[in-house]
N, C-alpha and C. Protein backbone atom coordinates (compact mmCIF):
# COMPACT_ATOMS: atom_id res chain seq x y z
N UNK A 1 1.94 -11.98 -6.56
CA UNK A 1 2.53 -10.99 -5.67
C UNK A 1 1.77 -10.90 -4.35
N UNK A 2 0.49 -11.33 -4.33
CA UNK A 2 -0.21 -11.40 -3.06
C UNK A 2 0.45 -12.44 -2.17
N UNK A 3 0.92 -13.54 -2.80
CA UNK A 3 1.67 -14.53 -2.03
C UNK A 3 2.95 -13.95 -1.48
N UNK A 4 3.61 -13.07 -2.24
CA UNK A 4 4.82 -12.43 -1.76
C UNK A 4 4.52 -11.56 -0.56
N UNK A 5 3.39 -10.84 -0.58
CA UNK A 5 3.02 -10.00 0.55
C UNK A 5 2.82 -10.85 1.80
N UNK A 6 2.19 -12.02 1.65
CA UNK A 6 2.01 -12.92 2.79
C UNK A 6 3.35 -13.40 3.31
N UNK A 7 4.29 -13.67 2.40
CA UNK A 7 5.62 -14.11 2.82
C UNK A 7 6.33 -13.03 3.63
N UNK A 8 6.12 -11.76 3.27
CA UNK A 8 6.74 -10.67 4.03
C UNK A 8 6.21 -10.65 5.45
N UNK A 9 4.92 -10.91 5.62
CA UNK A 9 4.36 -10.96 6.97
C UNK A 9 4.92 -12.12 7.77
N UNK A 10 5.09 -13.27 7.12
CA UNK A 10 5.67 -14.42 7.81
C UNK A 10 7.08 -14.10 8.30
N UNK A 11 7.90 -13.48 7.44
CA UNK A 11 9.27 -13.18 7.81
C UNK A 11 9.34 -12.13 8.90
N UNK A 12 8.36 -11.24 8.94
CA UNK A 12 8.34 -10.21 9.98
C UNK A 12 7.73 -10.72 11.28
N UNK A 13 7.17 -11.95 11.26
CA UNK A 13 6.60 -12.51 12.47
C UNK A 13 5.23 -11.97 12.81
N UNK A 14 4.54 -11.37 11.83
CA UNK A 14 3.23 -10.79 12.10
C UNK A 14 2.13 -11.84 12.02
N UNK A 15 2.32 -12.86 11.17
CA UNK A 15 1.37 -13.96 11.07
C UNK A 15 2.12 -15.26 11.28
N UNK A 16 1.39 -16.30 11.61
CA UNK A 16 1.98 -17.62 11.79
C UNK A 16 1.77 -18.44 10.53
N UNK A 17 2.66 -19.40 10.26
CA UNK A 17 2.47 -20.24 9.08
C UNK A 17 1.15 -20.99 9.16
N UNK A 18 0.39 -21.07 8.07
CA UNK A 18 -0.87 -21.81 8.09
C UNK A 18 -0.64 -23.30 8.14
N UNK A 19 -1.67 -24.04 8.58
CA UNK A 19 -1.56 -25.49 8.64
C UNK A 19 -1.38 -26.06 7.24
N UNK A 20 -2.03 -25.44 6.28
CA UNK A 20 -1.89 -25.84 4.89
C UNK A 20 -1.33 -24.66 4.12
N UNK A 21 -0.50 -24.95 3.14
CA UNK A 21 0.10 -23.86 2.36
C UNK A 21 -1.00 -23.09 1.64
N UNK A 22 -0.91 -21.74 1.60
CA UNK A 22 -1.92 -20.97 0.87
C UNK A 22 -1.86 -21.28 -0.62
N UNK A 23 -3.03 -21.15 -1.25
CA UNK A 23 -3.08 -21.39 -2.70
C UNK A 23 -2.19 -20.40 -3.41
N UNK A 24 -1.48 -20.84 -4.43
CA UNK A 24 -0.60 -19.90 -5.14
C UNK A 24 -1.40 -18.81 -5.83
N UNK A 25 -0.81 -17.63 -5.92
CA UNK A 25 -1.46 -16.53 -6.63
C UNK A 25 -1.52 -16.87 -8.11
N UNK A 26 -2.53 -16.35 -8.82
CA UNK A 26 -2.61 -16.63 -10.26
C UNK A 26 -1.43 -16.03 -10.98
N UNK A 27 -1.06 -16.57 -12.14
CA UNK A 27 0.05 -15.98 -12.91
C UNK A 27 -0.22 -14.51 -13.17
N UNK A 28 0.86 -13.72 -13.17
CA UNK A 28 0.70 -12.29 -13.35
C UNK A 28 0.07 -11.94 -14.68
N UNK A 29 0.18 -12.82 -15.66
CA UNK A 29 -0.37 -12.52 -16.97
C UNK A 29 -1.85 -12.86 -17.08
N UNK A 30 -2.46 -13.42 -16.04
CA UNK A 30 -3.86 -13.82 -16.09
C UNK A 30 -4.71 -12.82 -15.35
N UNK A 31 -5.55 -12.03 -16.06
CA UNK A 31 -6.39 -11.06 -15.37
C UNK A 31 -7.42 -11.76 -14.51
N UNK A 32 -7.68 -11.27 -13.26
CA UNK A 32 -8.74 -11.84 -12.45
C UNK A 32 -10.08 -11.63 -13.12
N UNK A 33 -11.11 -12.39 -12.66
CA UNK A 33 -12.42 -12.25 -13.25
C UNK A 33 -12.91 -10.82 -13.07
N UNK A 34 -13.60 -10.30 -14.08
CA UNK A 34 -14.09 -8.94 -14.01
C UNK A 34 -13.10 -7.91 -14.49
N UNK A 35 -11.86 -8.31 -14.78
CA UNK A 35 -10.85 -7.39 -15.28
C UNK A 35 -10.57 -7.74 -16.73
N UNK A 36 -10.67 -6.74 -17.61
CA UNK A 36 -10.56 -7.04 -19.03
C UNK A 36 -9.29 -6.53 -19.67
N UNK A 37 -8.48 -5.74 -18.94
CA UNK A 37 -7.31 -5.14 -19.56
C UNK A 37 -6.16 -6.14 -19.64
N UNK A 38 -5.66 -6.44 -20.82
CA UNK A 38 -4.50 -7.33 -20.92
C UNK A 38 -3.24 -6.60 -20.54
N UNK A 39 -2.20 -7.33 -20.08
CA UNK A 39 -0.93 -6.68 -19.82
C UNK A 39 -0.39 -6.05 -21.09
N UNK A 40 0.30 -4.95 -20.95
CA UNK A 40 0.87 -4.29 -22.12
C UNK A 40 1.58 -3.03 -21.70
N UNK A 41 2.14 -2.30 -22.65
CA UNK A 41 2.84 -1.06 -22.33
C UNK A 41 1.93 -0.11 -21.57
N UNK A 42 2.43 0.40 -20.45
CA UNK A 42 1.66 1.34 -19.66
C UNK A 42 0.64 0.68 -18.77
N UNK A 43 0.43 -0.63 -18.89
CA UNK A 43 -0.55 -1.31 -18.04
C UNK A 43 0.06 -2.59 -17.49
N UNK A 44 0.59 -2.55 -16.26
CA UNK A 44 1.14 -3.77 -15.67
C UNK A 44 0.05 -4.83 -15.56
N UNK A 45 0.43 -6.11 -15.48
CA UNK A 45 -0.57 -7.17 -15.33
C UNK A 45 -1.47 -6.91 -14.14
N UNK A 46 -2.75 -7.34 -14.26
CA UNK A 46 -3.70 -7.08 -13.18
C UNK A 46 -3.24 -7.70 -11.86
N UNK A 47 -2.57 -8.87 -11.94
CA UNK A 47 -2.06 -9.47 -10.71
C UNK A 47 -1.07 -8.58 -10.01
N UNK A 48 -0.28 -7.84 -10.80
CA UNK A 48 0.68 -6.91 -10.21
C UNK A 48 -0.03 -5.76 -9.52
N UNK A 49 -1.14 -5.28 -10.11
CA UNK A 49 -1.88 -4.19 -9.50
C UNK A 49 -2.50 -4.63 -8.18
N UNK A 50 -3.03 -5.84 -8.12
CA UNK A 50 -3.55 -6.37 -6.87
C UNK A 50 -2.40 -6.59 -5.88
N UNK A 51 -1.23 -7.00 -6.40
CA UNK A 51 -0.07 -7.15 -5.54
C UNK A 51 0.37 -5.84 -4.93
N UNK A 52 0.25 -4.75 -5.69
CA UNK A 52 0.58 -3.42 -5.16
C UNK A 52 -0.27 -3.11 -3.94
N UNK A 53 -1.57 -3.36 -4.03
CA UNK A 53 -2.46 -3.10 -2.89
C UNK A 53 -2.16 -4.04 -1.75
N UNK A 54 -1.90 -5.32 -2.06
CA UNK A 54 -1.64 -6.30 -1.01
C UNK A 54 -0.35 -5.96 -0.25
N UNK A 55 0.69 -5.55 -0.97
CA UNK A 55 1.94 -5.19 -0.30
C UNK A 55 1.74 -3.95 0.55
N UNK A 56 0.96 -2.98 0.06
CA UNK A 56 0.64 -1.81 0.87
C UNK A 56 -0.04 -2.23 2.17
N UNK A 57 -1.01 -3.13 2.05
CA UNK A 57 -1.73 -3.57 3.25
C UNK A 57 -0.80 -4.27 4.23
N UNK A 58 0.04 -5.17 3.72
CA UNK A 58 0.91 -5.94 4.60
C UNK A 58 1.98 -5.07 5.25
N UNK A 59 2.57 -4.16 4.48
CA UNK A 59 3.69 -3.37 5.00
C UNK A 59 3.21 -2.10 5.69
N UNK A 60 2.39 -1.31 4.99
CA UNK A 60 2.03 0.01 5.51
C UNK A 60 0.85 -0.01 6.48
N UNK A 61 0.03 -1.05 6.43
CA UNK A 61 -1.10 -1.12 7.36
C UNK A 61 -0.86 -2.04 8.53
N UNK A 62 0.09 -2.99 8.40
CA UNK A 62 0.26 -3.99 9.46
C UNK A 62 1.64 -3.91 10.13
N UNK A 63 2.69 -3.66 9.38
CA UNK A 63 4.02 -3.49 9.98
C UNK A 63 4.23 -2.04 10.43
N UNK A 64 3.99 -1.10 9.56
CA UNK A 64 4.07 0.32 9.89
C UNK A 64 3.01 0.68 10.92
N UNK A 65 3.30 1.53 11.92
CA UNK A 65 4.52 2.33 12.12
C UNK A 65 5.56 1.68 13.05
N UNK A 66 5.51 0.36 13.22
CA UNK A 66 6.44 -0.33 14.12
C UNK A 66 7.80 -0.46 13.43
N UNK A 67 8.76 0.36 13.82
CA UNK A 67 10.07 0.35 13.16
C UNK A 67 10.80 -0.96 13.35
N UNK A 68 10.61 -1.62 14.49
CA UNK A 68 11.26 -2.91 14.71
C UNK A 68 10.74 -3.96 13.73
N UNK A 69 9.45 -3.94 13.47
CA UNK A 69 8.89 -4.88 12.48
C UNK A 69 9.38 -4.54 11.08
N UNK A 70 9.45 -3.26 10.77
CA UNK A 70 9.92 -2.84 9.44
C UNK A 70 11.38 -3.22 9.23
N UNK A 71 12.18 -3.25 10.30
CA UNK A 71 13.59 -3.62 10.17
C UNK A 71 13.75 -5.00 9.55
N UNK A 72 12.79 -5.88 9.78
CA UNK A 72 12.90 -7.25 9.29
C UNK A 72 12.76 -7.33 7.77
N UNK A 73 12.26 -6.26 7.15
CA UNK A 73 12.18 -6.26 5.69
C UNK A 73 13.57 -6.27 5.05
N UNK A 74 14.58 -5.80 5.80
CA UNK A 74 15.94 -5.77 5.25
C UNK A 74 16.43 -7.18 4.90
N UNK A 75 15.91 -8.19 5.60
CA UNK A 75 16.36 -9.56 5.36
C UNK A 75 15.42 -10.33 4.43
N UNK A 76 14.36 -9.68 3.96
CA UNK A 76 13.39 -10.38 3.12
C UNK A 76 13.98 -10.66 1.74
N UNK A 77 13.95 -11.91 1.32
CA UNK A 77 14.54 -12.28 0.03
C UNK A 77 13.74 -11.69 -1.14
N UNK A 78 12.48 -11.34 -0.90
CA UNK A 78 11.64 -10.79 -1.97
C UNK A 78 11.92 -9.32 -2.23
N UNK A 79 12.75 -8.69 -1.38
CA UNK A 79 13.00 -7.25 -1.48
C UNK A 79 14.49 -6.96 -1.50
N UNK A 80 14.85 -5.82 -2.05
CA UNK A 80 16.21 -5.29 -1.96
C UNK A 80 16.14 -3.93 -1.27
N UNK A 81 16.98 -3.72 -0.27
CA UNK A 81 17.00 -2.42 0.40
C UNK A 81 17.55 -1.36 -0.55
N UNK A 82 16.92 -0.20 -0.54
CA UNK A 82 17.38 0.90 -1.38
C UNK A 82 18.60 1.57 -0.77
N UNK A 83 19.52 1.98 -1.62
CA UNK A 83 20.66 2.77 -1.18
C UNK A 83 20.18 4.17 -0.80
N UNK A 84 20.92 4.90 0.07
CA UNK A 84 20.50 6.25 0.45
C UNK A 84 20.22 7.15 -0.75
N UNK A 85 21.05 7.04 -1.79
CA UNK A 85 20.83 7.89 -2.97
C UNK A 85 19.52 7.52 -3.67
N UNK A 86 19.17 6.24 -3.64
CA UNK A 86 17.91 5.81 -4.26
C UNK A 86 16.72 6.29 -3.43
N UNK A 87 16.85 6.22 -2.10
CA UNK A 87 15.78 6.73 -1.24
C UNK A 87 15.55 8.21 -1.53
N UNK A 88 16.65 8.95 -1.73
CA UNK A 88 16.55 10.37 -2.03
C UNK A 88 15.80 10.65 -3.32
N UNK A 89 15.85 9.71 -4.26
CA UNK A 89 15.11 9.89 -5.51
C UNK A 89 13.60 9.99 -5.25
N UNK A 90 13.15 9.34 -4.17
CA UNK A 90 11.72 9.32 -3.88
C UNK A 90 11.32 10.26 -2.74
N UNK A 91 12.19 10.42 -1.75
CA UNK A 91 11.85 11.25 -0.59
C UNK A 91 12.52 12.61 -0.61
N UNK A 92 13.37 12.87 -1.59
CA UNK A 92 14.08 14.14 -1.62
C UNK A 92 15.02 14.25 -0.43
N UNK A 93 14.92 15.36 0.29
CA UNK A 93 15.79 15.58 1.45
C UNK A 93 15.19 15.04 2.75
N UNK A 94 13.98 14.52 2.69
CA UNK A 94 13.36 13.98 3.90
C UNK A 94 14.04 12.67 4.31
N UNK A 95 14.25 12.47 5.60
CA UNK A 95 14.91 11.22 6.04
C UNK A 95 13.97 10.03 5.91
N UNK A 96 14.57 8.87 5.63
CA UNK A 96 13.76 7.67 5.53
C UNK A 96 14.55 6.52 4.96
N UNK A 97 13.87 5.49 4.57
CA UNK A 97 14.48 4.29 4.00
C UNK A 97 13.50 3.65 3.03
N UNK A 98 13.97 2.61 2.33
CA UNK A 98 13.07 2.01 1.35
C UNK A 98 13.55 0.67 0.84
N UNK A 99 12.69 0.04 0.06
CA UNK A 99 12.95 -1.27 -0.52
C UNK A 99 12.31 -1.33 -1.90
N UNK A 100 12.78 -2.24 -2.73
CA UNK A 100 12.18 -2.48 -4.03
C UNK A 100 12.06 -3.99 -4.22
N UNK A 101 11.04 -4.42 -4.93
CA UNK A 101 10.86 -5.85 -5.18
C UNK A 101 12.05 -6.39 -5.96
N UNK A 102 12.38 -7.64 -5.69
CA UNK A 102 13.53 -8.28 -6.31
C UNK A 102 13.32 -8.46 -7.81
N UNK A 103 14.42 -8.59 -8.58
CA UNK A 103 14.30 -8.84 -10.02
C UNK A 103 13.40 -10.04 -10.30
N UNK A 104 12.66 -9.94 -11.38
CA UNK A 104 11.73 -11.00 -11.72
C UNK A 104 10.30 -10.69 -11.32
N UNK A 105 10.12 -9.66 -10.48
CA UNK A 105 8.80 -9.21 -10.07
C UNK A 105 8.54 -7.84 -10.70
N UNK A 106 7.28 -7.47 -10.97
CA UNK A 106 7.01 -6.10 -11.39
C UNK A 106 7.56 -5.14 -10.33
N UNK A 107 8.29 -4.10 -10.73
CA UNK A 107 8.95 -3.23 -9.75
C UNK A 107 7.96 -2.43 -8.91
N UNK A 108 7.97 -2.69 -7.62
CA UNK A 108 7.17 -1.96 -6.64
C UNK A 108 8.12 -1.39 -5.61
N UNK A 109 7.99 -0.11 -5.32
CA UNK A 109 8.90 0.58 -4.39
C UNK A 109 8.17 0.88 -3.10
N UNK A 110 8.81 0.55 -1.98
CA UNK A 110 8.28 0.83 -0.64
C UNK A 110 9.19 1.87 -0.01
N UNK A 111 8.62 2.95 0.52
CA UNK A 111 9.42 3.92 1.26
C UNK A 111 8.75 4.22 2.59
N UNK A 112 9.59 4.50 3.60
CA UNK A 112 9.10 4.92 4.92
C UNK A 112 9.81 6.21 5.27
N UNK A 113 9.04 7.27 5.41
CA UNK A 113 9.58 8.57 5.79
C UNK A 113 9.58 8.67 7.30
N UNK A 114 10.69 9.17 7.86
CA UNK A 114 10.83 9.26 9.32
C UNK A 114 9.97 10.39 9.88
N UNK A 115 9.59 10.29 11.19
CA UNK A 115 8.80 11.35 11.82
C UNK A 115 9.54 12.68 11.76
N UNK A 116 8.85 13.82 11.98
CA UNK A 116 7.52 13.94 12.60
C UNK A 116 6.35 13.57 11.69
N UNK A 117 6.53 13.67 10.37
CA UNK A 117 5.49 13.17 9.47
C UNK A 117 5.91 11.76 9.07
N UNK A 118 5.36 10.79 9.76
CA UNK A 118 5.74 9.40 9.59
C UNK A 118 4.84 8.81 8.49
N UNK A 119 5.43 8.40 7.39
CA UNK A 119 4.61 7.96 6.26
C UNK A 119 5.21 6.72 5.62
N UNK A 120 4.34 5.79 5.26
CA UNK A 120 4.71 4.59 4.53
C UNK A 120 4.01 4.64 3.19
N UNK A 121 4.77 4.49 2.12
CA UNK A 121 4.20 4.56 0.77
C UNK A 121 4.65 3.38 -0.06
N UNK A 122 3.76 2.92 -0.92
CA UNK A 122 4.06 1.87 -1.88
C UNK A 122 3.68 2.43 -3.25
N UNK A 123 4.60 2.33 -4.21
CA UNK A 123 4.34 2.96 -5.50
C UNK A 123 4.76 2.07 -6.65
N UNK A 124 4.10 2.29 -7.78
CA UNK A 124 4.46 1.64 -9.04
C UNK A 124 4.49 2.73 -10.10
N UNK A 125 5.55 2.74 -10.89
CA UNK A 125 5.75 3.77 -11.89
C UNK A 125 5.27 3.32 -13.27
N UNK A 126 4.99 4.29 -14.12
CA UNK A 126 4.71 4.00 -15.52
C UNK A 126 3.45 3.22 -15.80
N UNK A 127 2.42 3.39 -14.98
CA UNK A 127 1.16 2.67 -15.20
C UNK A 127 0.20 3.54 -16.02
N UNK A 128 -0.99 3.01 -16.28
CA UNK A 128 -2.02 3.80 -16.93
C UNK A 128 -2.97 4.42 -15.91
N UNK A 129 -2.64 4.26 -14.62
CA UNK A 129 -3.43 4.90 -13.56
C UNK A 129 -4.60 4.09 -13.07
N UNK A 130 -4.86 2.93 -13.67
CA UNK A 130 -6.01 2.13 -13.24
C UNK A 130 -5.62 1.23 -12.07
N UNK A 131 -6.54 1.12 -11.12
CA UNK A 131 -6.30 0.29 -9.94
C UNK A 131 -7.66 -0.20 -9.44
N UNK A 132 -7.68 -1.30 -8.75
CA UNK A 132 -8.93 -1.86 -8.22
C UNK A 132 -9.32 -1.05 -6.98
N UNK A 133 -10.13 -0.01 -7.17
CA UNK A 133 -10.48 0.86 -6.05
C UNK A 133 -11.39 0.17 -5.04
N UNK A 134 -12.12 -0.86 -5.47
CA UNK A 134 -12.93 -1.62 -4.52
C UNK A 134 -12.03 -2.38 -3.54
N UNK A 135 -10.97 -3.01 -4.06
CA UNK A 135 -10.01 -3.71 -3.20
C UNK A 135 -9.31 -2.72 -2.29
N UNK A 136 -8.90 -1.57 -2.85
CA UNK A 136 -8.27 -0.52 -2.05
C UNK A 136 -9.21 -0.09 -0.91
N UNK A 137 -10.48 0.12 -1.22
CA UNK A 137 -11.44 0.54 -0.20
C UNK A 137 -11.58 -0.49 0.91
N UNK A 138 -11.56 -1.78 0.55
CA UNK A 138 -11.72 -2.82 1.57
C UNK A 138 -10.54 -2.85 2.54
N UNK A 139 -9.32 -2.75 2.02
CA UNK A 139 -8.17 -2.84 2.94
C UNK A 139 -8.06 -1.57 3.79
N UNK A 140 -8.45 -0.42 3.23
CA UNK A 140 -8.43 0.81 4.03
C UNK A 140 -9.52 0.77 5.10
N UNK A 141 -10.71 0.28 4.74
CA UNK A 141 -11.78 0.17 5.73
C UNK A 141 -11.35 -0.71 6.90
N UNK A 142 -10.68 -1.83 6.60
CA UNK A 142 -10.21 -2.71 7.67
C UNK A 142 -9.17 -2.01 8.54
N UNK A 143 -8.27 -1.26 7.92
CA UNK A 143 -7.25 -0.54 8.68
C UNK A 143 -7.87 0.55 9.55
N UNK A 144 -8.89 1.22 9.03
CA UNK A 144 -9.57 2.26 9.81
C UNK A 144 -10.25 1.65 11.04
N UNK A 145 -10.85 0.48 10.87
CA UNK A 145 -11.48 -0.18 12.03
C UNK A 145 -10.44 -0.54 13.08
N UNK A 146 -9.28 -1.04 12.65
CA UNK A 146 -8.23 -1.39 13.61
C UNK A 146 -7.72 -0.15 14.34
N UNK A 147 -7.84 1.00 13.69
CA UNK A 147 -7.37 2.25 14.28
C UNK A 147 -8.44 2.94 15.11
N UNK A 148 -9.61 2.33 15.22
CA UNK A 148 -10.65 2.90 16.08
C UNK A 148 -11.67 3.75 15.35
N UNK A 149 -11.61 3.83 14.02
CA UNK A 149 -12.60 4.60 13.27
C UNK A 149 -12.42 6.10 13.42
N UNK A 150 -13.45 6.84 13.03
CA UNK A 150 -13.42 8.29 13.15
C UNK A 150 -12.84 9.01 11.95
N UNK A 151 -12.71 8.32 10.81
CA UNK A 151 -12.15 8.92 9.60
C UNK A 151 -13.25 9.57 8.76
N UNK A 152 -12.87 10.62 8.05
CA UNK A 152 -13.77 11.26 7.10
C UNK A 152 -13.09 11.35 5.74
N UNK A 153 -13.90 11.27 4.68
CA UNK A 153 -13.36 11.36 3.33
C UNK A 153 -12.91 12.79 3.05
N UNK A 154 -11.77 12.91 2.37
CA UNK A 154 -11.25 14.21 1.97
C UNK A 154 -11.73 14.52 0.55
N UNK A 155 -12.04 15.79 0.25
CA UNK A 155 -12.42 16.12 -1.13
C UNK A 155 -11.27 15.79 -2.08
N UNK A 156 -11.56 15.23 -3.25
CA UNK A 156 -10.49 14.99 -4.22
C UNK A 156 -9.77 16.28 -4.56
N UNK A 157 -8.46 16.18 -4.75
CA UNK A 157 -7.65 17.35 -5.06
C UNK A 157 -6.78 17.08 -6.28
N UNK A 158 -6.53 18.12 -7.04
CA UNK A 158 -5.55 18.08 -8.13
C UNK A 158 -4.50 19.13 -7.81
N UNK A 159 -3.26 18.69 -7.65
CA UNK A 159 -2.18 19.55 -7.19
C UNK A 159 -1.08 19.55 -8.25
N UNK A 160 -0.60 20.72 -8.61
CA UNK A 160 0.55 20.84 -9.49
C UNK A 160 1.71 21.37 -8.68
N UNK A 161 2.78 20.59 -8.60
CA UNK A 161 3.97 20.97 -7.88
C UNK A 161 5.16 20.77 -8.80
N UNK A 162 5.79 21.88 -9.18
CA UNK A 162 6.89 21.78 -10.14
C UNK A 162 6.39 21.28 -11.47
N UNK A 163 6.98 20.21 -11.95
CA UNK A 163 6.60 19.67 -13.27
C UNK A 163 5.59 18.54 -13.17
N UNK A 164 5.12 18.22 -11.96
CA UNK A 164 4.24 17.07 -11.76
C UNK A 164 2.84 17.51 -11.34
N UNK A 165 1.86 16.77 -11.82
CA UNK A 165 0.47 16.97 -11.44
C UNK A 165 0.01 15.73 -10.69
N UNK A 166 -0.65 15.92 -9.55
CA UNK A 166 -1.08 14.81 -8.70
C UNK A 166 -2.57 14.90 -8.42
N UNK A 167 -3.27 13.80 -8.66
CA UNK A 167 -4.68 13.68 -8.26
C UNK A 167 -4.71 12.85 -6.98
N UNK A 168 -5.36 13.38 -5.94
CA UNK A 168 -5.32 12.77 -4.61
C UNK A 168 -6.74 12.53 -4.11
N UNK A 169 -7.00 11.32 -3.63
CA UNK A 169 -8.18 11.04 -2.83
C UNK A 169 -7.71 10.42 -1.53
N UNK A 170 -8.51 10.53 -0.48
CA UNK A 170 -8.06 9.96 0.79
C UNK A 170 -9.09 10.10 1.89
N UNK A 171 -8.74 9.55 3.03
CA UNK A 171 -9.56 9.63 4.24
C UNK A 171 -8.64 9.95 5.41
N UNK A 172 -9.14 10.78 6.33
CA UNK A 172 -8.29 11.30 7.40
C UNK A 172 -9.03 11.33 8.73
N UNK A 173 -8.25 11.12 9.79
CA UNK A 173 -8.75 11.30 11.17
C UNK A 173 -7.85 12.31 11.87
N UNK A 174 -8.44 13.37 12.38
CA UNK A 174 -7.71 14.37 13.15
C UNK A 174 -8.11 14.26 14.62
N UNK A 175 -7.12 14.30 15.50
CA UNK A 175 -7.36 14.16 16.93
C UNK A 175 -7.18 15.50 17.65
N UNK A 176 -7.74 15.58 18.86
CA UNK A 176 -7.72 16.84 19.60
C UNK A 176 -6.30 17.28 19.94
N UNK A 177 -5.35 16.34 20.04
CA UNK A 177 -3.98 16.71 20.40
C UNK A 177 -3.16 17.17 19.20
N UNK A 178 -3.79 17.28 18.04
CA UNK A 178 -3.08 17.71 16.84
C UNK A 178 -2.54 16.58 15.99
N UNK A 179 -2.59 15.35 16.49
CA UNK A 179 -2.13 14.21 15.69
C UNK A 179 -3.17 13.89 14.61
N UNK A 180 -2.71 13.19 13.59
CA UNK A 180 -3.60 12.85 12.49
C UNK A 180 -3.14 11.56 11.83
N UNK A 181 -4.07 10.87 11.21
CA UNK A 181 -3.77 9.64 10.46
C UNK A 181 -4.53 9.73 9.14
N UNK A 182 -3.84 9.45 8.04
CA UNK A 182 -4.44 9.64 6.72
C UNK A 182 -4.06 8.49 5.79
N UNK A 183 -5.00 8.10 4.95
CA UNK A 183 -4.76 7.16 3.86
C UNK A 183 -4.96 7.91 2.55
N UNK A 184 -3.96 7.84 1.67
CA UNK A 184 -4.02 8.53 0.38
C UNK A 184 -3.90 7.53 -0.76
N UNK A 185 -4.63 7.79 -1.83
CA UNK A 185 -4.41 7.14 -3.13
C UNK A 185 -4.07 8.26 -4.10
N UNK A 186 -2.86 8.22 -4.65
CA UNK A 186 -2.37 9.30 -5.51
C UNK A 186 -2.08 8.76 -6.91
N UNK A 187 -2.36 9.60 -7.89
CA UNK A 187 -1.98 9.34 -9.28
C UNK A 187 -1.16 10.54 -9.74
N UNK A 188 0.11 10.30 -10.08
CA UNK A 188 1.02 11.38 -10.44
C UNK A 188 1.47 11.23 -11.89
N UNK A 189 1.50 12.37 -12.60
CA UNK A 189 1.95 12.36 -13.99
C UNK A 189 2.55 13.73 -14.30
N UNK A 190 3.35 13.83 -15.38
CA UNK A 190 3.87 15.14 -15.75
C UNK A 190 2.73 16.12 -16.04
N UNK A 191 2.90 17.35 -15.57
CA UNK A 191 1.88 18.36 -15.83
C UNK A 191 1.80 18.71 -17.31
N UNK A 192 2.90 18.54 -18.02
CA UNK A 192 2.93 18.81 -19.47
C UNK A 192 2.23 17.66 -20.19
N UNK A 193 1.07 17.91 -20.81
CA UNK A 193 0.33 16.80 -21.45
C UNK A 193 1.11 16.12 -22.56
N UNK A 194 2.11 16.79 -23.15
CA UNK A 194 2.90 16.17 -24.20
C UNK A 194 3.81 15.08 -23.64
N UNK A 195 4.21 15.21 -22.36
CA UNK A 195 5.10 14.23 -21.75
C UNK A 195 4.34 13.12 -21.04
N UNK A 196 3.10 13.38 -20.65
CA UNK A 196 2.35 12.44 -19.84
C UNK A 196 2.18 11.06 -20.47
N UNK A 197 1.78 10.95 -21.77
CA UNK A 197 1.58 9.60 -22.33
C UNK A 197 2.83 8.74 -22.30
N UNK A 198 4.00 9.34 -22.54
CA UNK A 198 5.24 8.57 -22.57
C UNK A 198 5.68 8.16 -21.17
N UNK A 199 5.49 9.05 -20.19
CA UNK A 199 5.95 8.77 -18.84
C UNK A 199 5.03 7.82 -18.09
N UNK A 200 3.74 7.82 -18.45
CA UNK A 200 2.79 7.02 -17.70
C UNK A 200 2.44 7.69 -16.38
N UNK A 201 1.74 6.97 -15.54
CA UNK A 201 1.23 7.50 -14.28
C UNK A 201 1.82 6.72 -13.12
N UNK A 202 2.32 7.43 -12.13
CA UNK A 202 2.78 6.78 -10.90
C UNK A 202 1.59 6.59 -9.98
N UNK A 203 1.36 5.35 -9.57
CA UNK A 203 0.37 5.04 -8.55
C UNK A 203 1.07 5.01 -7.20
N UNK A 204 0.56 5.78 -6.26
CA UNK A 204 1.20 5.83 -4.94
C UNK A 204 0.13 5.66 -3.86
N UNK A 205 0.31 4.67 -3.00
CA UNK A 205 -0.59 4.40 -1.88
C UNK A 205 0.14 4.78 -0.61
N UNK A 206 -0.48 5.58 0.25
CA UNK A 206 0.21 6.16 1.40
C UNK A 206 -0.60 6.00 2.67
N UNK A 207 0.09 5.62 3.75
CA UNK A 207 -0.47 5.65 5.11
C UNK A 207 0.42 6.60 5.91
N UNK A 208 -0.16 7.71 6.34
CA UNK A 208 0.62 8.77 6.98
C UNK A 208 0.13 9.01 8.41
N UNK A 209 1.08 9.21 9.31
CA UNK A 209 0.75 9.50 10.70
C UNK A 209 1.54 10.74 11.13
N UNK A 210 0.82 11.73 11.64
CA UNK A 210 1.43 12.97 12.10
C UNK A 210 1.38 12.98 13.63
N UNK A 211 2.52 13.29 14.25
CA UNK A 211 2.61 13.25 15.72
C UNK A 211 1.81 14.39 16.34
N UNK A 212 1.45 14.19 17.60
CA UNK A 212 0.72 15.21 18.35
C UNK A 212 1.54 16.48 18.48
N UNK A 213 0.87 17.60 18.47
CA UNK A 213 1.54 18.90 18.60
C UNK A 213 1.30 19.55 19.95
N UNK A 214 0.44 18.96 20.74
CA UNK A 214 0.15 19.53 22.07
C UNK A 214 -0.33 18.42 23.01
């Protein structure tokens, strides 16, 4: 799936084709070195988890917030555009659009919420909540540098909204004009502990940009 993320960048014109073809990604069923969890119920293959982070980096850190670049995802063979009703399943009444990985790939959902709170999110449902936080930290650090730095870590939060409980970590930069940029790593599960094991945990990676207020 890391190869798929690179293909999305090629189709969007963000990178140029390499002189030599990139090495193929390892099979999704083969855990990378240092990872011991085998694929199974509630735990997508480790390659899929790395693909989740890679797609977030390619789409939400490199294409977003450029709407013209994001438009090119509509033609990507690796993705299917979500119908408005499907987008509503993830964004509620907030305006936006989205895509899902094509059949044959572990299902990863991409959504882009329209301004004034402009947000790009990549999510995977029904996981056990484990993710390579070192890899996540590296791609966020690179994105922060491209944005000029100035970010601070946010205290971890546990939020219960309706029937869902969300654990949130992130880093944020607030500017004097009221604008802000934030990276979130969220783990969402039913607040009812009896339902949580069956539903699994939604992993959601978010890059959010808030417009200036003054």
